[in-house]
Protein backbone atom coordinates (compact mmCIF):
# COMPACT_ATOMS: atom_id res chain seq x y z
CA MET A 1 0.00 0.00 0.00
CA THR A 2 1.45 3.36 -1.04
CA ARG A 3 1.45 6.47 1.10
CA ILE A 4 -1.25 7.92 -1.18
CA ASP A 5 -3.37 4.78 -0.64
CA LYS A 6 -2.98 5.14 3.13
CA ILE A 7 -3.97 8.81 3.09
CA GLN A 8 -6.97 8.09 0.86
CA ALA A 9 -8.05 5.31 3.23
CA MET A 10 -7.88 7.73 6.16
CA LEU A 11 -9.86 10.29 4.16
CA GLN A 12 -12.68 7.78 3.78
CA ASP A 13 -13.23 8.11 7.53
CA ASP A 14 -13.15 11.93 7.41
CA PRO A 15 -13.23 13.38 3.87
CA SER A 16 -13.27 16.92 5.26
CA ASP A 17 -9.91 16.57 7.07
CA SER A 18 -7.98 19.53 5.64
CA PHE A 19 -4.61 18.36 6.92
CA LEU A 20 -4.96 14.94 5.28
CA ARG A 21 -6.07 16.52 2.02
CA TYR A 22 -3.08 18.88 2.16
CA THR A 23 -0.80 15.92 2.84
CA LEU A 24 -2.29 14.12 -0.15
CA ALA A 25 -1.57 17.14 -2.36
CA MET A 26 2.04 17.14 -1.16
CA GLU A 27 2.36 13.45 -1.98
CA TYR A 28 1.21 14.13 -5.53
CA ARG A 29 3.80 16.88 -5.72
CA LYS A 30 6.52 14.41 -4.72
CA LEU A 31 5.37 12.19 -7.59
CA ASP A 32 5.68 15.14 -10.02
CA ASP A 33 1.93 15.24 -10.54
CA SER A 34 1.69 18.99 -10.05
CA GLU A 35 -1.66 19.29 -11.80
CA LYS A 36 -3.31 16.90 -9.33
CA SER A 37 -1.54 18.58 -6.44
CA ILE A 38 -2.61 22.06 -7.53
CA ASP A 39 -6.21 20.89 -8.03
CA LEU A 40 -6.32 19.61 -4.45
CA LEU A 41 -4.65 22.74 -3.10
CA THR A 42 -7.10 24.97 -4.99
CA VAL A 43 -10.02 23.34 -3.21
CA LEU A 44 -8.29 23.80 0.15
CA ALA A 45 -7.42 27.42 -0.63
CA TYR A 46 -10.66 28.63 -2.12
CA HIS A 47 -13.45 26.29 -1.12
CA ASP A 48 -12.72 25.16 2.44
CA GLU A 49 -13.87 27.11 5.46
CA PRO A 50 -11.69 28.24 6.97
CA LYS A 51 -9.45 28.52 3.96
CA TYR A 52 -6.23 26.52 4.30
CA VAL A 53 -3.54 29.20 4.14
CA ALA A 54 -0.59 26.90 3.42
CA ALA A 55 -2.38 25.68 0.28
CA PHE A 56 -2.04 29.11 -1.33
CA PHE A 57 1.73 29.13 -0.83
CA MET A 58 2.32 25.53 -1.94
CA ALA A 59 0.20 25.97 -5.06
CA ALA A 60 2.05 29.18 -5.90
CA GLN A 61 5.43 27.49 -5.50
CA GLN A 62 4.46 24.74 -7.90
CA LEU A 63 3.04 27.22 -10.39
CA VAL A 64 6.31 29.15 -10.33
CA GLU A 65 8.20 25.92 -11.01
CA MET A 66 5.87 25.35 -13.98
CA GLU A 67 6.50 28.94 -15.14
CA ARG A 68 2.82 29.84 -14.70
CA ILE A 69 3.73 33.11 -13.04
CA GLU A 70 0.42 35.00 -13.38
CA GLU A 71 -1.46 32.14 -11.72
CA ALA A 72 1.16 32.02 -8.97
CA ARG A 73 0.78 35.74 -8.36
CA ALA A 74 -2.99 35.36 -8.01
CA PHE A 75 -2.57 32.57 -5.43
CA LEU A 76 -0.03 34.65 -3.53
CA ARG A 77 -2.13 37.82 -3.46
CA ASP A 78 -5.21 35.90 -2.32
CA GLY A 79 -3.12 33.92 0.16
CA ILE A 80 -1.58 37.01 1.69
CA GLU A 81 -5.02 38.52 2.18
CA GLU A 82 -6.35 35.31 3.73
CA ALA A 83 -3.30 34.88 5.98
CA ARG A 84 -3.72 38.42 7.26
CA SER A 85 -7.42 37.85 7.91
CA GLN A 86 -6.47 34.77 9.94
CA LYS A 87 -3.74 36.75 11.71
CA ASN A 88 -1.06 34.44 10.31
CA ASP A 89 1.73 36.97 9.87
CA HIS A 90 4.38 34.34 9.23
CA ALA A 91 2.53 32.87 6.23
CA ALA A 92 1.73 36.34 4.90
CA ALA A 93 5.41 37.27 5.10
CA GLU A 94 6.54 34.10 3.31
CA MET A 95 4.05 34.66 0.51
CA SER A 96 4.96 38.35 0.26
CA GLU A 97 8.62 37.38 -0.10
CA LEU A 98 7.86 34.94 -2.92
CA LEU A 99 5.61 37.51 -4.61
CA SER A 100 8.41 40.07 -4.56
CA GLU A 101 10.87 37.49 -5.94
CA ILE A 102 8.68 36.76 -8.96
CA GLY A 103 7.60 40.40 -9.38
CA LYS A 104 4.26 41.90 -8.60
């Protein structure tokens, strides 16, 4: 049984577990399936309540690696706003740094 299989089995018990879904997205990233990873992160970032702040940053990083800079910027801007609304200054700072690296 792969790590992905194990995570998916755990998600059957609690499909709304944001941390497990984030972990699943990171496993897909390790397997170089960035599209699947970004799809999962998009749901966490934009459709979960509360929004999963780390998903914005991880999706943006992958998009930068794929040279999809405009999409990365959108994730970062939205992520910074969400991090600030959740009073997560550390995440906002990390995303701001990446945004300045790739240009606003």
